[in-house]
Each structure stands twice: as C-alpha cells, then as structure tokens.
Amino acid sequence: MNYQIPTNVDNLISQAEEEHLYFKLIEQVNKDFHLANESIDLPSSILPFEFKNRVHEKLLYLIQHKFTEYLNLLYIIDVSETEIKKIDGSDLVQLAEKVAFLVLKREWQKVWFRKYY
C-alpha cells in the first residue's frame, strides 16, 4: 500500500475511511490532545464533518485564548514548523482551518505508518 499525501481534510478523512483507519485517527487525535493537556474527547461515533469542525474549533480557541498551549500541542503532535510558518495568519478562522489540516495530516501519517510499518 502506497502512502498518498492528502491534499485537504476531506481527502484525508476519505483515505482514513477507505483504509478502515478512521477510528484509529480519532484515537490518535484524542491521545495527542490529551498528552498536551488539551482534551478534545471525540467519540468514535463522530461523523467526519463534525470531526473536522471540532478539531478546527478547538484549534481556533487555543490560538485565541491559550497560545502557549497551542504551540505545545503542535510540538507534541510534531506538526512541521516550516508548514505552519507558510500560513497567512491575518485571518484567525482560516489560520485555524489550515492548521487543523496540518494537524490531521500529521496524525494520519502516524496512524498510517503504524499500520503498515
């Protein structure tokens, strides 16, 4: 199975579902947010649309109200600093949306590699 880099959140979630790893992705997100002391408590029954919205909302909240914790979360998840720096930060909602994609993409890599390697 070849790893395909997802181009957006919907593509990423589709890949996770196709490979029967959607629940593992949710578990990984819950685990890493918990490690950063920023629990997100996503149920395994969460629908993809709600899943991406909850991650986006949590990141937006952290950016606006708990920036140090936000940076710590990115560090724990191991999101590429280079990728984060490329994002235009003038619109916080869009920033959080793009960061949510980077967070989910990194979490997806962890889940995918754990299954196949």
Protein backbone atom coordinates (compact mmCIF):
# COMPACT_ATOMS: atom_id res chain seq x y z
CA MET A 1 0.00 0.00 0.00
CA ASN A 2 1.49 3.34 -1.06
CA TYR A 3 1.11 6.35 1.17
CA GLN A 4 -0.67 9.19 -0.62
CA ILE A 5 -0.29 12.65 0.83
CA PRO A 6 -3.80 14.04 1.30
CA THR A 7 -4.49 17.40 -0.35
CA ASN A 8 -7.27 18.52 2.01
CA VAL A 9 -9.18 17.41 5.10
CA ASP A 10 -11.97 15.70 3.15
CA ASN A 11 -9.44 13.75 1.08
CA LEU A 12 -7.61 12.76 4.30
CA ILE A 13 -10.78 11.53 6.02
CA SER A 14 -11.80 9.61 2.88
CA GLN A 15 -8.42 7.86 2.85
CA ALA A 16 -8.75 7.01 6.55
CA GLU A 17 -12.22 5.56 5.96
CA GLU A 18 -11.13 3.59 2.87
CA GLU A 19 -8.27 2.02 4.83
CA HIS A 20 -10.53 1.35 7.82
CA LEU A 21 -8.36 3.62 9.96
CA TYR A 22 -10.87 6.40 10.69
CA PHE A 23 -11.35 5.23 14.29
CA LYS A 24 -7.58 4.98 14.76
CA LEU A 25 -7.28 8.55 13.50
CA ILE A 26 -9.84 9.73 16.08
CA GLU A 27 -7.98 7.78 18.80
CA GLN A 28 -4.66 9.35 17.79
CA VAL A 29 -6.13 12.88 17.85
CA ASN A 30 -7.69 12.26 21.27
CA LYS A 31 -4.41 10.80 22.57
CA ASP A 32 -2.18 13.66 21.40
CA PHE A 33 -4.56 16.41 22.53
CA HIS A 34 -4.71 14.65 25.91
CA LEU A 35 -0.90 14.50 26.06
CA ALA A 36 -0.89 18.27 25.55
CA ASN A 37 -3.40 18.64 28.43
CA GLU A 38 -6.00 19.96 25.96
CA SER A 39 -8.51 17.12 25.86
CA ILE A 40 -10.85 17.18 22.91
CA ASP A 41 -12.85 14.00 23.80
CA LEU A 42 -14.00 12.99 20.34
CA PRO A 43 -16.36 9.98 20.40
CA SER A 44 -15.52 7.15 17.99
CA SER A 45 -19.01 7.57 16.52
CA ILE A 46 -18.31 11.17 15.42
CA LEU A 47 -19.19 11.95 11.81
CA PRO A 48 -16.37 13.21 9.55
CA PHE A 49 -17.92 16.67 9.15
CA GLU A 50 -18.27 17.06 12.92
CA PHE A 51 -14.77 15.62 13.48
CA LYS A 52 -13.04 18.23 11.35
CA ASN A 53 -15.22 21.01 12.81
CA ARG A 54 -14.38 20.06 16.40
CA VAL A 55 -10.64 19.98 15.66
CA HIS A 56 -10.90 23.33 13.86
CA GLU A 57 -12.91 24.92 16.71
CA LYS A 58 -10.51 23.62 19.37
CA LEU A 59 -7.50 25.00 17.49
CA LEU A 60 -9.21 28.36 16.95
CA TYR A 61 -9.96 28.53 20.68
CA LEU A 62 -6.34 27.70 21.55
CA ILE A 63 -4.96 30.27 19.10
CA GLN A 64 -7.23 32.98 20.51
CA HIS A 65 -7.09 32.20 24.24
CA LYS A 66 -4.23 29.79 25.04
CA PHE A 67 -1.45 30.43 22.55
CA THR A 68 1.32 28.77 24.59
CA GLU A 69 -0.80 25.61 24.89
CA TYR A 70 -1.47 25.78 21.14
CA LEU A 71 2.28 25.84 20.43
CA ASN A 72 2.81 22.97 22.87
CA LEU A 73 0.11 20.93 21.09
CA LEU A 74 1.77 21.49 17.70
CA TYR A 75 5.08 20.39 19.22
CA ILE A 76 3.58 17.22 20.75
CA ILE A 77 1.82 16.29 17.52
CA ASP A 78 5.02 17.12 15.61
CA VAL A 79 3.46 19.44 13.03
CA SER A 80 6.05 20.87 10.63
CA GLU A 81 7.15 24.31 11.79
CA THR A 82 8.04 25.16 8.19
CA GLU A 83 4.47 24.38 7.07
CA ILE A 84 2.99 26.44 9.92
CA LYS A 85 5.16 29.44 9.00
CA LYS A 86 3.89 29.33 5.40
CA ILE A 87 0.31 30.02 6.52
CA ASP A 88 -1.03 33.56 6.36
CA GLY A 89 -2.09 34.40 9.90
CA SER A 90 -4.16 37.51 9.15
CA ASP A 91 -7.49 35.67 9.37
CA LEU A 92 -7.60 33.51 12.51
CA VAL A 93 -10.50 31.36 11.32
CA GLN A 94 -8.67 30.48 8.10
CA LEU A 95 -5.43 30.02 10.03
CA ALA A 96 -7.10 27.53 12.38
CA GLU A 97 -8.63 25.71 9.41
CA LYS A 98 -5.26 25.32 7.70
CA VAL A 99 -3.56 24.28 10.94
CA ALA A 100 -6.35 21.74 11.52
CA PHE A 101 -5.46 20.19 8.17
CA LEU A 102 -1.75 20.06 9.10
CA VAL A 103 -2.59 18.53 12.49
CA LEU A 104 -4.86 15.89 10.96
CA LYS A 105 -2.35 15.20 8.18
CA ARG A 106 0.39 14.55 10.76
CA GLU A 107 -1.92 12.39 12.87
CA TRP A 108 -2.92 10.46 9.73
CA GLN A 109 0.77 9.83 8.92
CA LYS A 110 1.29 8.37 12.39
CA VAL A 111 -1.75 6.09 12.11
CA TRP A 112 -0.91 5.00 8.55
CA PHE A 113 2.75 4.26 9.29
CA ARG A 114 1.85 2.35 12.46
CA LYS A 115 -0.42 0.08 10.43
CA TYR A 116 1.92 -0.51 7.51
CA TYR A 117 5.38 -0.45 9.12
